[in-house]
Structures are given as C-alpha cells and as structure tokens.
PDB file of N, CA and C in Angstrom:
ATOM      1  N   MET A   1     146.818 189.369 -14.303  1.00  0.00           N
ATOM      2  CA  MET A   1     148.038 188.692 -14.395  1.00  0.00           C
ATOM      3  C   MET A   1     149.321 189.253 -13.453  1.00  0.00           C
ATOM      4  N   MET A   2     149.736 188.191 -12.475  1.00  0.00           N
ATOM      5  CA  MET A   2     150.605 188.356 -11.780  1.00  0.00           C
ATOM      6  C   MET A   2     152.292 189.203 -12.196  1.00  0.00           C
ATOM      7  N   GLY A   3     152.498 190.468 -11.465  1.00  0.00           N
ATOM      8  CA  GLY A   3     154.118 190.819 -11.658  1.00  0.00           C
ATOM      9  C   GLY A   3     154.853 191.214 -10.824  1.00  0.00           C
ATOM     10  N   ILE A   4     154.958 189.544 -10.012  1.00  0.00           N
ATOM     11  CA  ILE A   4     156.333 189.623  -8.656  1.00  0.00           C
ATOM     12  C   ILE A   4     156.995 189.086  -9.356  1.00  0.00           C
ATOM     13  N   ASP A   5     158.006 189.624  -8.776  1.00  0.00           N
ATOM     14  CA  ASP A   5     159.966 189.441  -9.426  1.00  0.00           C
ATOM     15  C   ASP A   5     159.770 188.118  -8.808  1.00  0.00           C
ATOM     16  N   MET A   6     160.013 187.788  -7.735  1.00  0.00           N
ATOM     17  CA  MET A   6     160.293 186.588  -6.986  1.00  0.00           C
ATOM     18  C   MET A   6     159.227 186.227  -5.650  1.00  0.00           C
ATOM     19  N   ILE A   7     159.428 185.091  -5.872  1.00  0.00           N
ATOM     20  CA  ILE A   7     158.024 184.203  -4.371  1.00  0.00           C
ATOM     21  C   ILE A   7     159.846 183.628  -3.349  1.00  0.00           C
ATOM     22  N   ILE A   8     159.794 183.966  -2.554  1.00  0.00           N
ATOM     23  CA  ILE A   8     161.371 183.488  -1.568  1.00  0.00           C
ATOM     24  C   ILE A   8     161.097 182.846  -0.460  1.00  0.00           C
ATOM     25  N   GLU A   9     161.722 182.139   0.404  1.00  0.00           N
ATOM     26  CA  GLU A   9     161.316 181.701   1.490  1.00  0.00           C
ATOM     27  C   GLU A   9     162.566 182.550   2.308  1.00  0.00           C
ATOM     28  N   LEU A  10     161.695 182.848   3.648  1.00  0.00           N
ATOM     29  CA  LEU A  10     162.466 183.600   4.455  1.00  0.00           C
ATOM     30  C   LEU A  10     162.336 183.308   5.968  1.00  0.00           C
ATOM     31  N   GLY A  11     163.227 182.422   6.221  1.00  0.00           N
ATOM     32  CA  GLY A  11     162.966 181.732   7.539  1.00  0.00           C
ATOM     33  C   GLY A  11     161.697 181.408   7.409  1.00  0.00           C
ATOM     34  N   GLU A  12     160.674 180.961   8.128  1.00  0.00           N
ATOM     35  CA  GLU A  12     159.792 179.943   7.887  1.00  0.00           C
ATOM     36  C   GLU A  12     158.683 180.951   7.432  1.00  0.00           C
ATOM     37  N   ASP A  13     158.750 181.615   6.929  1.00  0.00           N
ATOM     38  CA  ASP A  13     157.717 182.606   5.786  1.00  0.00           C
ATOM     39  C   ASP A  13     158.202 182.019   4.444  1.00  0.00           C
ATOM     40  N   ILE A  14     157.316 182.906   3.513  1.00  0.00           N
ATOM     41  CA  ILE A  14     157.107 182.503   2.125  1.00  0.00           C
ATOM     42  C   ILE A  14     156.545 184.443   2.006  1.00  0.00           C
ATOM     43  N   ALA A  15     157.782 185.032   1.157  1.00  0.00           N
ATOM     44  CA  ALA A  15     158.218 186.599   1.000  1.00  0.00           C
ATOM     45  C   ALA A  15     157.519 186.329  -0.238  1.00  0.00           C
ATOM     46  N   ALA A  16     156.496 187.484  -0.987  1.00  0.00           N
ATOM     47  CA  ALA A  16     156.670 188.164  -2.608  1.00  0.00           C
ATOM     48  C   ALA A  16     157.337 188.901  -2.568  1.00  0.00           C
ATOM     49  N   ILE A  17     158.010 189.027  -3.540  1.00  0.00           N
ATOM     50  CA  ILE A  17     159.308 190.843  -3.641  1.00  0.00           C
ATOM     51  C   ILE A  17     159.030 191.141  -5.436  1.00  0.00           C
ATOM     52  N   GLU A  18     158.799 192.527  -4.821  1.00  0.00           N
ATOM     53  CA  GLU A  18     158.559 193.742  -6.159  1.00  0.00           C
ATOM     54  C   GLU A  18     159.872 193.874  -6.104  1.00  0.00           C
ATOM     55  N   VAL A  19     159.990 194.394  -7.542  1.00  0.00           N
ATOM     56  CA  VAL A  19     161.424 196.001  -7.169  1.00  0.00           C
ATOM     57  C   VAL A  19     161.123 196.685  -7.874  1.00  0.00           C
ATOM     58  N   LYS A  20     161.422 197.462  -7.873  1.00  0.00           N
ATOM     59  CA  LYS A  20     160.589 198.924  -8.918  1.00  0.00           C
ATOM     60  C   LYS A  20     161.821 200.209  -9.050  1.00  0.00           C
ATOM     61  N   SER A  21     162.575 200.070 -10.111  1.00  0.00           N
ATOM     62  CA  SER A  21     163.739 200.581  -9.995  1.00  0.00           C
ATOM     63  C   SER A  21     163.742 202.459 -10.914  1.00  0.00           C
ATOM     64  N   GLY A  22     162.868 201.945 -11.417  1.00  0.00           N
ATOM     65  CA  GLY A  22     162.020 203.556 -11.963  1.00  0.00           C
ATOM     66  C   GLY A  22     161.382 204.495 -11.243  1.00  0.00           C
ATOM     67  N   LYS A  23     161.118 205.471 -11.710  1.00  0.00           N
ATOM     68  CA  LYS A  23     160.172 206.606 -11.133  1.00  0.00           C
ATOM     69  C   LYS A  23     158.842 206.359 -10.995  1.00  0.00           C
ATOM     70  N   THR A  24     158.224 205.472 -11.833  1.00  0.00           N
ATOM     71  CA  THR A  24     156.935 204.899 -11.321  1.00  0.00           C
ATOM     72  C   THR A  24     156.930 203.738  -9.915  1.00  0.00           C
ATOM     73  N   ARG A  25     156.180 204.107  -8.886  1.00  0.00           N
ATOM     74  CA  ARG A  25     156.592 203.081  -7.966  1.00  0.00           C
ATOM     75  C   ARG A  25     155.136 202.291  -7.932  1.00  0.00           C
ATOM     76  N   ASP A  26     154.107 202.040  -8.632  1.00  0.00           N
ATOM     77  CA  ASP A  26     152.779 201.162  -8.856  1.00  0.00           C
ATOM     78  C   ASP A  26     152.778 199.927  -8.528  1.00  0.00           C
ATOM     79  N   ALA A  27     152.663 199.636  -8.253  1.00  0.00           N
ATOM     80  CA  ALA A  27     153.198 197.797  -8.330  1.00  0.00           C
ATOM     81  C   ALA A  27     151.761 197.184  -7.560  1.00  0.00           C
ATOM     82  N   PRO A  28     150.461 196.687  -8.881  1.00  0.00           N
ATOM     83  CA  PRO A  28     149.514 196.394  -8.544  1.00  0.00           C
ATOM     84  C   PRO A  28     149.593 194.838  -7.764  1.00  0.00           C
ATOM     85  N   SER A  29     150.400 194.301  -8.837  1.00  0.00           N
ATOM     86  CA  SER A  29     150.281 192.746  -8.286  1.00  0.00           C
ATOM     87  C   SER A  29     151.234 192.766  -6.464  1.00  0.00           C
ATOM     88  N   ILE A  30     151.905 193.263  -5.946  1.00  0.00           N
ATOM     89  CA  ILE A  30     152.366 193.414  -4.552  1.00  0.00           C
ATOM     90  C   ILE A  30     150.950 193.440  -3.842  1.00  0.00           C
ATOM     91  N   ASP A  31     150.361 194.470  -4.197  1.00  0.00           N
ATOM     92  CA  ASP A  31     149.381 194.770  -3.550  1.00  0.00           C
ATOM     93  C   ASP A  31     147.764 193.963  -3.333  1.00  0.00           C
ATOM     94  N   GLU A  32     147.966 193.065  -4.655  1.00  0.00           N
ATOM     95  CA  GLU A  32     147.307 191.818  -4.449  1.00  0.00           C
ATOM     96  C   GLU A  32     147.866 190.648  -4.699  1.00  0.00           C
ATOM     97  N   VAL A  33     149.022 190.118  -4.300  1.00  0.00           N
ATOM     98  CA  VAL A  33     148.818 188.897  -4.085  1.00  0.00           C
ATOM     99  C   VAL A  33     148.696 187.554  -3.084  1.00  0.00           C
ATOM    100  N   ASP A  34     148.617 188.582  -2.020  1.00  0.00           N
ATOM    101  CA  ASP A  34     148.030 187.839  -0.588  1.00  0.00           C
ATOM    102  C   ASP A  34     146.715 187.509  -0.997  1.00  0.00           C
ATOM    103  N   LYS A  35     145.924 188.061  -1.452  1.00  0.00           N
ATOM    104  CA  LYS A  35     144.812 187.242  -2.098  1.00  0.00           C
ATOM    105  C   LYS A  35     144.391 186.441  -2.768  1.00  0.00           C
ATOM    106  N   PHE A  36     145.128 186.152  -3.434  1.00  0.00           N
ATOM    107  CA  PHE A  36     145.664 184.919  -4.281  1.00  0.00           C
ATOM    108  C   PHE A  36     146.537 183.669  -3.403  1.00  0.00           C
ATOM    109  N   PHE A  37     147.324 184.433  -3.193  1.00  0.00           N
ATOM    110  CA  PHE A  37     148.503 183.154  -2.601  1.00  0.00           C
ATOM    111  C   PHE A  37     148.826 183.401  -1.100  1.00  0.00           C
ATOM    112  N   LYS A  38     148.946 182.034  -0.310  1.00  0.00           N
ATOM    113  CA  LYS A  38     149.334 182.554   0.845  1.00  0.00           C
ATOM    114  C   LYS A  38     151.142 182.800   1.333  1.00  0.00           C
ATOM    115  N   VAL A  39     150.943 183.670   1.285  1.00  0.00           N
ATOM    116  CA  VAL A  39     152.191 184.635   1.467  1.00  0.00           C
ATOM    117  C   VAL A  39     152.553 185.458   2.995  1.00  0.00           C
ATOM    118  N   ARG A  40     153.239 185.416   3.672  1.00  0.00           N
ATOM    119  CA  ARG A  40     153.078 186.105   5.092  1.00  0.00           C
ATOM    120  C   ARG A  40     153.578 187.585   5.106  1.00  0.00           C
ATOM    121  N   ARG A  41     154.176 187.485   3.699  1.00  0.00           N
ATOM    122  CA  ARG A  41     154.950 188.728   3.457  1.00  0.00           C
ATOM    123  C   ARG A  41     155.169 189.632   2.471  1.00  0.00           C
ATOM    124  N   ARG A  42     154.861 190.736   2.264  1.00  0.00           N
ATOM    125  CA  ARG A  42     155.220 191.369   0.850  1.00  0.00           C
ATOM    126  C   ARG A  42     155.975 192.713   1.160  1.00  0.00           C
ATOM    127  N   ILE A  43     157.220 192.405   0.338  1.00  0.00           N
ATOM    128  CA  ILE A  43     158.560 193.313   0.333  1.00  0.00           C
ATOM    129  C   ILE A  43     158.270 194.228  -0.812  1.00  0.00           C
ATOM    130  N   LYS A  44     158.851 195.780  -0.912  1.00  0.00           N
ATOM    131  CA  LYS A  44     158.887 195.988  -1.873  1.00  0.00           C
ATOM    132  C   LYS A  44     160.332 196.792  -1.811  1.00  0.00           C
ATOM    133  N   PHE A  45     160.800 196.596  -2.688  1.00  0.00           N
ATOM    134  CA  PHE A  45     162.372 197.327  -3.402  1.00  0.00           C
ATOM    135  C   PHE A  45     162.416 198.332  -4.047  1.00  0.00           C
ATOM    136  N   GLU A  46     162.853 199.592  -3.681  1.00  0.00           N
ATOM    137  CA  GLU A  46     162.537 200.909  -4.468  1.00  0.00           C
ATOM    138  C   GLU A  46     163.263 202.108  -3.795  1.00  0.00           C
ATOM    139  N   ARG A  47     163.082 203.149  -4.164  1.00  0.00           N
ATOM    140  CA  ARG A  47     163.938 204.238  -4.260  1.00  0.00           C
ATOM    141  C   ARG A  47     163.055 205.083  -3.172  1.00  0.00           C
ATOM    142  N   SER A  48     163.441 204.361  -1.647  1.00  0.00           N
ATOM    143  CA  SER A  48     162.214 205.131  -0.634  1.00  0.00           C
ATOM    144  C   SER A  48     163.468 204.682   0.647  1.00  0.00           C
ATOM    145  N   ASP A  49     162.784 204.961   1.468  1.00  0.00           N
ATOM    146  CA  ASP A  49     163.523 205.052   2.982  1.00  0.00           C
ATOM    147  C   ASP A  49     162.695 203.543   3.679  1.00  0.00           C
ATOM    148  N   ILE A  50     163.183 202.794   5.022  1.00  0.00           N
ATOM    149  CA  ILE A  50     162.864 201.524   5.199  1.00  0.00           C
ATOM    150  C   ILE A  50     161.502 202.168   6.063  1.00  0.00           C
ATOM    151  N   HIS A  51     160.585 201.710   5.250  1.00  0.00           N
ATOM    152  CA  HIS A  51     158.991 201.948   5.981  1.00  0.00           C
ATOM    153  C   HIS A  51     158.273 200.346   5.985  1.00  0.00           C
ATOM    154  N   VAL A  52     156.646 200.302   6.622  1.00  0.00           N
ATOM    155  CA  VAL A  52     155.796 199.558   6.135  1.00  0.00           C
ATOM    156  C   VAL A  52     154.498 200.240   5.865  1.00  0.00           C
ATOM    157  N   SER A  53     154.211 200.436   5.163  1.00  0.00           N
ATOM    158  CA  SER A  53     153.032 200.820   4.645  1.00  0.00           C
ATOM    159  C   SER A  53     151.827 200.309   5.385  1.00  0.00           C
ATOM    160  N   GLU A  54     150.473 201.314   5.399  1.00  0.00           N
ATOM    161  CA  GLU A  54     149.357 200.966   6.645  1.00  0.00           C
ATOM    162  C   GLU A  54     148.792 199.133   5.699  1.00  0.00           C
ATOM    163  N   ASP A  55     149.031 199.241   4.686  1.00  0.00           N
ATOM    164  CA  ASP A  55     148.021 197.856   3.585  1.00  0.00           C
ATOM    165  C   ASP A  55     149.549 196.977   4.104  1.00  0.00           C
ATOM    166  N   GLY A  56     150.606 196.673   4.885  1.00  0.00           N
ATOM    167  CA  GLY A  56     151.293 195.701   5.241  1.00  0.00           C
ATOM    168  C   GLY A  56     152.277 195.473   4.839  1.00  0.00           C
ATOM    169  N   ILE A  57     152.802 196.774   3.552  1.00  0.00           N
ATOM    170  CA  ILE A  57     153.585 196.210   2.775  1.00  0.00           C
ATOM    171  C   ILE A  57     155.221 196.438   3.593  1.00  0.00           C
ATOM    172  N   GLU A  58     156.262 195.628   3.316  1.00  0.00           N
ATOM    173  CA  GLU A  58     157.676 196.072   3.865  1.00  0.00           C
ATOM    174  C   GLU A  58     158.378 196.955   2.212  1.00  0.00           C
ATOM    175  N   HIS A  59     158.746 198.056   2.832  1.00  0.00           N
ATOM    176  CA  HIS A  59     159.429 199.296   1.667  1.00  0.00           C
ATOM    177  C   HIS A  59     160.686 198.861   2.181  1.00  0.00           C
ATOM    178  N   TYR A  60     161.706 198.873   1.348  1.00  0.00           N
ATOM    179  CA  TYR A  60     163.004 199.068   1.541  1.00  0.00           C
ATOM    180  C   TYR A  60     164.226 199.618   0.072  1.00  0.00           C
ATOM    181  N   PRO A  61     164.972 200.474   0.441  1.00  0.00           N
ATOM    182  CA  PRO A  61     165.834 200.471  -0.702  1.00  0.00           C
ATOM    183  C   PRO A  61     166.237 200.132  -1.366  1.00  0.00           C
ATOM    184  N   LEU A  62     166.620 200.252  -2.807  1.00  0.00           N
ATOM    185  CA  LEU A  62     167.044 199.095  -3.728  1.00  0.00           C
ATOM    186  C   LEU A  62     168.040 198.397  -3.146  1.00  0.00           C
ATOM    187  N   PHE A  63     169.533 199.390  -2.496  1.00  0.00           N
ATOM    188  CA  PHE A  63     170.592 198.172  -1.834  1.00  0.00           C
ATOM    189  C   PHE A  63     170.369 197.154  -0.837  1.00  0.00           C
ATOM    190  N   ALA A  64     169.062 197.528  -0.192  1.00  0.00           N
ATOM    191  CA  ALA A  64     168.982 196.307   0.534  1.00  0.00           C
ATOM    192  C   ALA A  64     168.785 194.968  -0.220  1.00  0.00           C
ATOM    193  N   ALA A  65     168.256 194.769  -1.554  1.00  0.00           N
ATOM    194  CA  ALA A  65     168.012 193.824  -1.933  1.00  0.00           C
ATOM    195  C   ALA A  65     169.221 192.463  -1.799  1.00  0.00           C
ATOM    196  N   GLY A  66     170.717 193.072  -1.704  1.00  0.00           N
ATOM    197  CA  GLY A  66     171.664 192.615  -1.803  1.00  0.00           C
ATOM    198  C   GLY A  66     171.730 192.058  -0.254  1.00  0.00           C
ATOM    199  N   PHE A  67     170.629 192.108   0.851  1.00  0.00           N
ATOM    200  CA  PHE A  67     171.104 191.891   2.617  1.00  0.00           C
ATOM    201  C   PHE A  67     169.685 190.917   2.587  1.00  0.00           C
ATOM    202  N   VAL A  68     168.666 190.625   1.279  1.00  0.00           N
ATOM    203  CA  VAL A  68     167.472 189.827   1.567  1.00  0.00           C
ATOM    204  C   VAL A  68     167.985 188.889   2.694  1.00  0.00           C
ATOM    205  N   ARG A  69     168.858 187.941   2.810  1.00  0.00           N
ATOM    206  CA  ARG A  69     168.575 186.818   3.745  1.00  0.00           C
ATOM    207  C   ARG A  69     168.957 187.235   5.288  1.00  0.00           C
ATOM    208  N   ASP A  70     169.297 188.555   5.360  1.00  0.00           N
ATOM    209  CA  ASP A  70     168.805 189.265   6.658  1.00  0.00           C
ATOM    210  C   ASP A  70     167.705 189.663   7.169  1.00  0.00           C
ATOM    211  N   MET A  71     167.060 189.917   6.317  1.00  0.00           N
ATOM    212  CA  MET A  71     165.184 190.077   6.680  1.00  0.00           C
ATOM    213  C   MET A  71     164.559 189.002   7.171  1.00  0.00           C
ATOM    214  N   GLU A  72     165.420 187.518   7.168  1.00  0.00           N
ATOM    215  CA  GLU A  72     164.256 186.705   8.052  1.00  0.00           C
ATOM    216  C   GLU A  72     163.622 187.008   9.355  1.00  0.00           C
ATOM    217  N   ASP A  73     163.671 188.043   9.961  1.00  0.00           N
ATOM    218  CA  ASP A  73     162.547 188.752  11.013  1.00  0.00           C
ATOM    219  C   ASP A  73     161.832 189.197  10.317  1.00  0.00           C
ATOM    220  N   VAL A  74     160.517 189.423  10.784  1.00  0.00           N
ATOM    221  CA  VAL A  74     159.472 190.386  10.612  1.00  0.00           C
ATOM    222  C   VAL A  74     159.945 191.366  11.244  1.00  0.00           C
ATOM    223  N   TRP A  75     159.543 192.688  10.358  1.00  0.00           N
ATOM    224  CA  TRP A  75     160.104 194.319  10.886  1.00  0.00           C
ATOM    225  C   TRP A  75     159.661 194.211  12.172  1.00  0.00           C
ATOM    226  N   ASP A  76     159.777 194.659  13.035  1.00  0.00           N
ATOM    227  CA  ASP A  76     159.468 194.931  14.041  1.00  0.00           C
ATOM    228  C   ASP A  76     159.681 196.577  15.009  1.00  0.00           C
ATOM    229  N   GLY A  77     159.936 197.514  13.881  1.00  0.00           N
ATOM    230  CA  GLY A  77     160.228 199.201  13.973  1.00  0.00           C
ATOM    231  C   GLY A  77     158.876 199.174  14.243  1.00  0.00           C
ATOM    232  N   PRO A  78     158.864 200.675  14.326  1.00  0.00           N
ATOM    233  CA  PRO A  78     157.788 201.933  14.853  1.00  0.00           C
ATOM    234  C   PRO A  78     156.934 201.662  12.824  1.00  0.00           C
ATOM    235  N   ARG A  79     155.578 201.878  13.111  1.00  0.00           N
ATOM    236  CA  ARG A  79     154.883 202.102  11.822  1.00  0.00           C
ATOM    237  C   ARG A  79     155.052 203.505  11.562  1.00  0.00           C
ATOM    238  N   PHE A  80     154.946 203.652  10.353  1.00  0.00           N
ATOM    239  CA  PHE A  80     155.476 205.462   9.144  1.00  0.00           C
ATOM    240  C   PHE A  80     154.275 205.812   8.857  1.00  0.00           C
TER     241      PHE A  80
END
C-alpha cells in the first residue's frame, strides 16, 4: 500500500510528495512510487537540509512545504 501524502503537478512534471515530521524518516512509499507510477520527481519534506539523495529523492526542510509552487524547476544544485 502506498503512503504518499500528495501527488501534484509542478510545471510540466508530476511530483510525489511525502511529509515526515516525526523522528522516523523511513519513507518506503516515496522510495518505490516511481516503479508503479509515472512521476518524474520525488520530494520529501522532513527535518533536514536541502539535498538530493543518491536515489534521486529531493529532500527539503519542513518549512519549505509552504514554498512548493516555487519548486517548479528541478534541483540543479550540487549532489551531496
């Protein structure tokens, strides 16, 4: 069963979003969603800094959810 919190349109892309506000950051649904659905971006809002993990998931701090419409451009920053 998928536990994705939202599927939204960001520009021309479809993005799956998961919000993790607790101590547990496990998110198996966001890890697997692209295997079942045609989403181009996977975004996780959590207690972390901005980065893109090796598996392509974009990570943002929780407060950044208020600026989700400003994220239409794909992350083009450095890979950490």
